[in-house]
Amino acid sequence: MDPLNLVPYLPRAEWSLGPGDQGWLTMLGQVLKEYQTCTRRRSLLRARVMDFVTSTAILPLLLGCVGVCSLFKLLQWLRTRACVRNAVVVITGATSGLGRECARVFHAAGAKLVLCGRNAEALEELTRELAASRATKVQTHKPYTVTFDLTDPGAIVGAAAEILQCFGYVDVLINNAGISYRGTIVDTNLDVDRRVMETNYFGPVALTKALLPSMIRRRQGHVVAISSIQGKISVPFRSAYAASKHATQAFFDCLRAEVERHDIEVTVVSPGYIQTSLSLNAVTADGSKYGVMDETTAQGRSPSQVARDVLAAVGKKKKDVVLADVAPSLAVYLRTLAPRLFFSLMASRARKEWKPKRC
């Protein structure tokens, strides 16, 4: 609106247009016109930018970027599978859970498998299942099986020799076998702690040491340790399990540094909760079976997805992989950056979980 049009409505007794006010009103009108001009230019510029973004020139560029990213991921996937094709892969704990899914994934990728476990019948059943599968375009190989108990130190040396007899060498060793635990520290028998450590730590360490010299002689090999997010943070009522996984993390971190000069890769994979029978088979404070499917376990990641992530980690030669949701992943950093807050949260969790146990 022109400012001069406002004059008739102003109180004449208090103010009237004088001869010196005309210049001010003219200047005010020019300012308003400049403002309106700038507003129109800004709107025009915004419209032109939107037209450019949605023009036929930019859309092919965006589609091209998406295509390049998709092609890059496809090449990575093909490279991952090519890295394990015809490679000798040893998998412990292959009869169930993540180990069984790793067997399926690596077999489909064309690896030469040596499947290890305590149950010979379950291993043979898995072998027949893999031999009958045809859902792959690459050449597959009939797996070998080696039956032994990781908690028996005397059996590991002989098992390692039997593993080497299968193909003469080992390219990838996946230390997957493990056992979980539920209980309070004060009520747990020391024998239970030793049993968990024998399965989760001493067994994989002994097998790795038995196969490592052959890798060093060939200057080729890849050792994978399936740890846990609890190998980086400790959760109440999981003391024996968390301790064994912390020890696993530390051992294989040291191994990575020591064998780097021999061109041997070491990968530690730390998953969160996986939909397996780990909690069902967990041991309790007195050594008995827990026998309960935890809600967190039931809602965890599928073992097939984790197995594919393990395959990708091997193909990309990753050194340390965390496969957990946002909250556990953040807790790893919180433990280092804000330990007081982390300890407070764990104490609160312990109190919350302890109440039902006392009722």
Protein backbone atom coordinates (compact mmCIF):
# COMPACT_ATOMS: atom_id res chain seq x y z
CA MET A 1 0.00 0.00 0.00
CA ASP A 2 1.21 3.51 -0.85
CA PRO A 3 2.04 5.38 2.41
CA LEU A 4 0.37 8.57 1.05
CA ASN A 5 -2.97 6.77 1.12
CA LEU A 6 -2.71 6.52 4.89
CA VAL A 7 -2.65 10.30 5.38
CA PRO A 8 -6.43 10.95 5.30
CA TYR A 9 -6.94 8.47 8.11
CA LEU A 10 -4.40 10.04 10.47
CA PRO A 11 -5.60 12.47 13.18
CA ARG A 12 -5.25 16.01 11.77
CA ALA A 13 -4.98 17.53 15.21
CA GLU A 14 -1.87 15.58 16.06
CA TRP A 15 -0.10 15.40 12.71
CA SER A 16 -0.39 16.89 9.24
CA LEU A 17 1.67 16.58 6.12
CA GLY A 18 4.20 19.37 6.00
CA PRO A 19 6.41 20.52 3.19
CA GLY A 20 9.42 18.71 4.64
CA ASP A 21 7.68 15.35 4.96
CA GLN A 22 7.31 14.68 1.26
CA GLY A 23 10.92 13.49 0.91
CA TRP A 24 10.60 11.07 3.79
CA LEU A 25 7.43 9.59 2.36
CA THR A 26 9.04 9.23 -1.04
CA MET A 27 12.03 7.46 0.50
CA LEU A 28 9.73 5.13 2.48
CA GLY A 29 7.85 4.27 -0.70
CA GLN A 30 11.13 3.44 -2.46
CA VAL A 31 12.17 1.18 0.42
CA LEU A 32 8.89 -0.70 0.25
CA LYS A 33 9.22 -1.09 -3.51
CA GLU A 34 12.78 -2.42 -3.14
CA TYR A 35 11.57 -4.91 -0.52
CA GLN A 36 8.82 -6.13 -2.79
CA THR A 37 11.31 -6.42 -5.66
CA CYS A 38 13.72 -8.48 -3.53
CA THR A 39 10.87 -10.75 -2.41
CA ARG A 40 9.84 -11.37 -6.00
CA ARG A 41 13.45 -12.09 -7.01
CA ARG A 42 13.88 -14.54 -4.12
CA SER A 43 10.71 -16.37 -5.09
CA LEU A 44 11.82 -16.46 -8.71
CA LEU A 45 15.24 -17.82 -7.74
CA ARG A 46 13.65 -20.53 -5.57
CA ALA A 47 11.37 -21.54 -8.42
CA ARG A 48 14.30 -21.72 -10.84
CA VAL A 49 16.29 -23.90 -8.43
CA MET A 50 13.37 -26.30 -8.07
CA ASP A 51 12.95 -26.38 -11.82
CA PHE A 52 16.63 -27.24 -12.20
CA VAL A 53 16.46 -30.03 -9.62
CA THR A 54 13.42 -31.57 -11.26
CA SER A 55 14.54 -30.93 -14.81
CA THR A 56 15.32 -33.72 -17.24
CA ALA A 57 19.02 -32.89 -16.91
CA ILE A 58 19.31 -33.62 -13.18
CA LEU A 59 17.13 -36.73 -13.06
CA PRO A 60 19.46 -38.83 -15.24
CA LEU A 61 22.34 -37.69 -13.05
CA LEU A 62 20.56 -38.86 -9.89
CA LEU A 63 19.59 -42.13 -11.51
CA GLY A 64 23.15 -42.57 -12.67
CA CYS A 65 24.46 -42.11 -9.12
CA VAL A 66 22.02 -44.72 -7.85
CA GLY A 67 23.11 -47.07 -10.63
CA VAL A 68 26.80 -46.58 -9.84
CA CYS A 69 26.20 -47.28 -6.14
CA SER A 70 24.22 -50.42 -6.97
CA LEU A 71 26.92 -51.62 -9.35
CA PHE A 72 29.58 -50.98 -6.72
CA LYS A 73 27.67 -53.07 -4.17
CA LEU A 74 27.18 -55.84 -6.72
CA LEU A 75 30.91 -55.89 -7.50
CA GLN A 76 31.70 -56.02 -3.78
CA TRP A 77 29.31 -58.95 -3.35
CA LEU A 78 30.84 -60.81 -6.30
CA ARG A 79 34.33 -60.10 -5.01
CA THR A 80 33.36 -61.40 -1.56
CA ARG A 81 32.12 -64.68 -3.00
CA ALA A 82 35.15 -64.98 -5.26
CA CYS A 83 37.50 -64.66 -2.28
CA VAL A 84 36.19 -67.85 -0.67
CA ARG A 85 35.54 -69.84 -3.84
CA ASN A 86 37.57 -73.08 -3.64
CA ALA A 87 39.03 -71.88 -0.31
CA VAL A 88 39.29 -74.42 2.52
CA VAL A 89 37.03 -73.15 5.31
CA VAL A 90 36.88 -74.81 8.74
CA ILE A 91 33.79 -74.07 10.85
CA THR A 92 33.45 -75.16 14.48
CA GLY A 93 30.05 -75.54 16.10
CA ALA A 94 28.59 -76.23 12.67
CA THR A 95 25.68 -78.41 13.79
CA SER A 96 23.33 -75.60 14.83
CA GLY A 97 22.69 -71.88 15.03
CA LEU A 98 25.13 -69.49 13.42
CA GLY A 99 27.61 -72.25 12.58
CA ARG A 100 25.01 -74.13 10.54
CA GLU A 101 24.07 -70.95 8.64
CA CYS A 102 27.74 -70.16 8.00
CA ALA A 103 28.10 -73.65 6.53
CA ARG A 104 25.20 -72.97 4.13
CA VAL A 105 26.45 -69.52 3.12
CA PHE A 106 30.09 -70.53 2.57
CA HIS A 107 29.06 -73.71 0.77
CA ALA A 108 26.87 -71.70 -1.61
CA ALA A 109 29.85 -69.42 -2.27
CA GLY A 110 31.91 -72.40 -3.46
CA ALA A 111 34.11 -72.99 -0.40
CA LYS A 112 35.60 -76.35 0.48
CA LEU A 113 34.17 -76.98 3.94
CA VAL A 114 35.44 -78.87 6.95
CA LEU A 115 32.56 -78.98 9.42
CA CYS A 116 33.39 -79.57 13.08
CA GLY A 117 31.20 -80.41 16.06
CA ARG A 118 30.50 -82.90 18.84
CA ASN A 119 27.52 -84.63 17.20
CA ALA A 120 28.60 -86.85 14.31
CA GLU A 121 25.03 -87.59 13.21
CA ALA A 122 24.13 -83.90 13.06
CA LEU A 123 27.25 -83.21 11.01
CA GLU A 124 26.38 -85.96 8.55
CA GLU A 125 22.82 -84.67 8.26
CA LEU A 126 24.14 -81.18 7.46
CA THR A 127 26.51 -82.67 4.89
CA ARG A 128 23.66 -84.42 3.12
CA GLU A 129 21.59 -81.22 3.17
CA LEU A 130 24.39 -79.19 1.60
CA ALA A 131 25.10 -81.86 -1.01
CA ALA A 132 21.44 -81.86 -2.02
CA SER A 133 21.18 -78.08 -2.32
CA ARG A 134 21.30 -76.65 -5.82
CA ALA A 135 20.51 -72.99 -5.11
CA THR A 136 23.83 -71.71 -6.46
CA LYS A 137 25.47 -71.21 -9.83
CA VAL A 138 29.04 -71.81 -8.65
CA GLN A 139 30.72 -75.17 -8.33
CA THR A 140 30.25 -76.60 -4.84
CA HIS A 141 32.25 -79.22 -2.99
CA LYS A 142 31.24 -82.06 -0.70
CA PRO A 143 32.09 -81.08 2.89
CA TYR A 144 34.28 -83.09 5.20
CA THR A 145 33.36 -83.60 8.85
CA VAL A 146 35.56 -83.84 11.92
CA THR A 147 33.98 -84.78 15.25
CA PHE A 148 35.59 -83.63 18.51
CA ASP A 149 34.87 -81.73 21.72
CA LEU A 150 36.52 -78.33 22.12
CA THR A 151 36.51 -78.72 25.89
CA ASP A 152 38.82 -81.75 25.61
CA PRO A 153 42.41 -80.43 25.23
CA GLY A 154 43.72 -83.86 24.32
CA ALA A 155 41.33 -84.19 21.39
CA ILE A 156 42.17 -80.86 19.74
CA VAL A 157 45.67 -81.78 18.51
CA GLY A 158 44.36 -84.93 16.85
CA ALA A 159 41.39 -83.02 15.42
CA ALA A 160 43.72 -80.41 13.92
CA ALA A 161 45.75 -83.15 12.24
CA GLU A 162 42.56 -84.70 10.86
CA ILE A 163 41.42 -81.29 9.58
CA LEU A 164 44.70 -80.80 7.72
CA GLN A 165 44.40 -84.27 6.16
CA CYS A 166 41.13 -83.31 4.48
CA PHE A 167 42.64 -80.88 1.95
CA GLY A 168 46.24 -80.51 3.12
CA TYR A 169 45.82 -76.92 4.33
CA VAL A 170 43.36 -74.41 5.79
CA ASP A 171 42.55 -71.02 4.30
CA VAL A 172 39.90 -69.81 6.74
CA LEU A 173 39.28 -70.96 10.31
CA ILE A 174 35.97 -69.80 11.79
CA ASN A 175 35.97 -70.30 15.57
CA ASN A 176 32.22 -70.30 16.11
CA ALA A 177 31.49 -72.93 18.77
CA GLY A 178 30.42 -71.49 22.09
CA ILE A 179 28.17 -71.73 25.11
CA SER A 180 26.25 -69.06 27.02
CA TYR A 181 25.60 -68.58 30.73
CA ARG A 182 22.97 -67.11 33.05
CA GLY A 183 23.43 -66.60 36.79
CA THR A 184 24.70 -64.52 39.67
CA ILE A 185 28.39 -64.48 40.47
CA VAL A 186 27.89 -65.24 44.16
CA ASP A 187 25.91 -68.41 43.41
CA THR A 188 27.98 -69.74 40.47
CA ASN A 189 30.24 -72.74 40.99
CA LEU A 190 33.81 -72.20 39.83
CA ASP A 191 33.50 -75.34 37.71
CA VAL A 192 30.84 -73.53 35.65
CA ASP A 193 33.21 -70.62 35.00
CA ARG A 194 35.88 -73.09 33.91
CA ARG A 195 33.45 -74.92 31.61
CA VAL A 196 32.42 -71.71 29.86
CA MET A 197 36.05 -70.61 29.51
CA GLU A 198 37.08 -74.03 28.13
CA THR A 199 34.42 -73.86 25.42
CA ASN A 200 34.52 -70.17 24.51
CA TYR A 201 38.20 -69.36 25.04
CA PHE A 202 40.65 -72.21 25.61
CA GLY A 203 39.12 -74.45 22.93
CA PRO A 204 39.30 -71.87 20.10
CA VAL A 205 42.76 -70.78 21.25
CA ALA A 206 44.04 -74.37 21.25
CA LEU A 207 42.62 -75.11 17.79
CA THR A 208 43.99 -71.86 16.39
CA LYS A 209 47.45 -72.61 17.78
CA ALA A 210 47.33 -76.13 16.31
CA LEU A 211 46.48 -74.87 12.79
CA LEU A 212 48.52 -71.66 12.84
CA PRO A 213 51.93 -73.17 11.95
CA SER A 214 50.58 -74.52 8.64
CA MET A 215 49.23 -71.04 7.79
CA ILE A 216 52.55 -69.43 8.64
CA ARG A 217 54.44 -71.88 6.42
CA ARG A 218 52.16 -71.02 3.49
CA ARG A 219 52.14 -67.31 4.41
CA GLN A 220 48.42 -67.43 3.87
CA GLY A 221 45.40 -67.80 6.11
CA HIS A 222 42.50 -66.09 7.80
CA VAL A 223 41.42 -66.67 11.40
CA VAL A 224 37.91 -65.61 12.40
CA ALA A 225 36.72 -65.46 16.00
CA ILE A 226 32.99 -65.23 16.60
CA SER A 227 32.94 -63.21 19.79
CA SER A 228 30.00 -61.13 21.07
CA ILE A 229 29.08 -57.55 21.86
CA GLN A 230 29.58 -58.77 25.43
CA GLY A 231 33.23 -59.14 24.61
CA LYS A 232 33.34 -55.34 24.61
CA ILE A 233 30.82 -54.51 27.35
CA SER A 234 29.74 -56.58 30.37
CA VAL A 235 26.08 -57.24 31.14
CA PRO A 236 24.84 -58.29 34.61
CA PHE A 237 24.21 -62.02 35.19
CA ARG A 238 26.41 -62.95 32.20
CA SER A 239 29.77 -62.85 34.03
CA ALA A 240 31.27 -66.15 32.82
CA TYR A 241 30.13 -65.57 29.23
CA ALA A 242 31.27 -61.93 29.12
CA ALA A 243 34.62 -62.85 30.68
CA SER A 244 35.23 -65.57 28.08
CA LYS A 245 34.37 -63.19 25.23
CA HIS A 246 36.54 -60.39 26.66
CA ALA A 247 39.42 -62.88 26.77
CA THR A 248 38.65 -63.94 23.19
CA GLN A 249 38.75 -60.33 22.00
CA ALA A 250 42.07 -59.70 23.72
CA PHE A 251 43.73 -62.90 22.48
CA PHE A 252 42.81 -62.46 18.83
CA ASP A 253 43.70 -58.76 18.90
CA CYS A 254 47.19 -59.81 20.02
CA LEU A 255 47.27 -62.57 17.41
CA ARG A 256 46.40 -60.08 14.65
CA ALA A 257 49.39 -57.93 15.51
CA GLU A 258 51.79 -60.88 15.77
CA VAL A 259 50.90 -62.65 12.51
CA GLU A 260 50.55 -59.58 10.33
CA ARG A 261 54.15 -60.05 9.16
CA HIS A 262 53.18 -63.53 7.92
CA ASP A 263 50.34 -62.11 5.77
CA ILE A 264 47.71 -63.80 7.91
CA GLU A 265 44.40 -62.03 8.53
CA VAL A 266 42.52 -62.04 11.84
CA THR A 267 38.88 -60.95 12.17
CA VAL A 268 36.87 -60.65 15.37
CA VAL A 269 33.11 -60.57 14.80
CA SER A 270 30.99 -59.27 17.69
CA PRO A 271 27.29 -59.90 17.09
CA GLY A 272 24.46 -58.77 19.32
CA TYR A 273 21.49 -61.06 19.96
CA ILE A 274 20.90 -63.76 17.32
CA GLN A 275 17.80 -65.91 16.90
CA THR A 276 19.45 -69.18 17.91
CA SER A 277 19.14 -71.70 20.74
CA LEU A 278 22.08 -70.13 22.60
CA SER A 279 19.99 -69.07 25.58
CA LEU A 280 18.15 -72.42 25.65
CA ASN A 281 21.47 -74.28 25.93
CA ALA A 282 23.05 -71.78 28.34
CA VAL A 283 24.36 -73.11 31.64
CA THR A 284 23.22 -71.71 34.97
CA ALA A 285 24.98 -71.14 38.28
CA ASP A 286 24.81 -74.83 39.25
CA GLY A 287 25.73 -76.11 35.79
CA SER A 288 22.22 -77.11 34.72
CA LYS A 289 20.69 -76.03 31.41
CA TYR A 290 18.88 -72.68 31.39
CA GLY A 291 16.21 -73.90 28.98
CA VAL A 292 14.53 -70.54 28.39
CA MET A 293 14.31 -68.58 25.14
CA ASP A 294 15.09 -64.99 26.17
CA GLU A 295 12.92 -62.31 24.64
CA THR A 296 16.01 -60.44 23.45
CA THR A 297 17.28 -63.59 21.75
CA ALA A 298 13.94 -64.28 20.09
CA GLN A 299 13.91 -60.73 18.72
CA GLY A 300 17.54 -60.79 17.62
CA ARG A 301 18.99 -60.88 14.13
CA SER A 302 18.45 -63.89 11.91
CA PRO A 303 21.45 -66.26 11.84
CA SER A 304 21.38 -66.28 8.03
CA GLN A 305 21.92 -62.52 7.91
CA VAL A 306 24.77 -62.72 10.43
CA ALA A 307 26.31 -65.56 8.41
CA ARG A 308 26.25 -63.38 5.29
CA ASP A 309 27.90 -60.60 7.29
CA VAL A 310 30.62 -63.03 8.36
CA LEU A 311 31.18 -63.98 4.72
CA ALA A 312 31.41 -60.29 3.81
CA ALA A 313 33.89 -59.66 6.65
CA VAL A 314 36.10 -62.48 5.37
CA GLY A 315 35.90 -61.26 1.79
CA LYS A 316 36.76 -57.68 2.75
CA LYS A 317 39.39 -58.82 5.28
CA LYS A 318 37.91 -56.71 8.03
CA LYS A 319 39.71 -56.74 11.34
CA ASP A 320 36.94 -55.99 13.82
CA VAL A 321 33.20 -56.13 13.08
CA VAL A 322 30.34 -55.20 15.40
CA LEU A 323 26.95 -56.58 14.33
CA ALA A 324 24.63 -55.08 16.92
CA ASP A 325 21.73 -52.65 17.15
CA VAL A 326 22.16 -48.96 17.95
CA ALA A 327 21.84 -49.20 21.74
CA PRO A 328 24.53 -51.89 22.30
CA SER A 329 26.82 -50.21 19.78
CA LEU A 330 26.50 -46.88 21.59
CA ALA A 331 27.13 -48.64 24.91
CA VAL A 332 30.58 -49.68 23.63
CA TYR A 333 31.52 -46.02 23.21
CA LEU A 334 29.72 -44.99 26.40
CA ARG A 335 31.87 -47.45 28.36
CA THR A 336 34.97 -45.53 27.25
CA LEU A 337 33.74 -41.95 27.02
CA ALA A 338 31.38 -41.84 30.01
CA PRO A 339 32.20 -44.81 32.26
CA ARG A 340 30.39 -43.41 35.30
CA LEU A 341 27.14 -43.20 33.34
CA PHE A 342 27.68 -46.67 31.86
CA PHE A 343 28.27 -48.24 35.27
CA SER A 344 25.17 -46.51 36.62
CA LEU A 345 23.05 -47.90 33.78
CA MET A 346 24.39 -51.42 34.30
CA ALA A 347 23.70 -51.21 38.05
CA SER A 348 20.17 -50.08 37.31
CA ARG A 349 19.72 -52.99 34.90
CA ALA A 350 21.03 -55.41 37.54
CA ARG A 351 18.54 -54.11 40.12
CA LYS A 352 15.70 -54.39 37.61
CA GLU A 353 16.55 -57.99 36.67
CA TRP A 354 17.29 -59.00 40.25
CA LYS A 355 13.82 -58.13 41.65
CA PRO A 356 11.98 -61.06 40.03
CA LYS A 357 14.71 -63.44 41.16
CA ARG A 358 14.15 -62.51 44.82
CA CYS A 359 10.35 -62.83 44.72
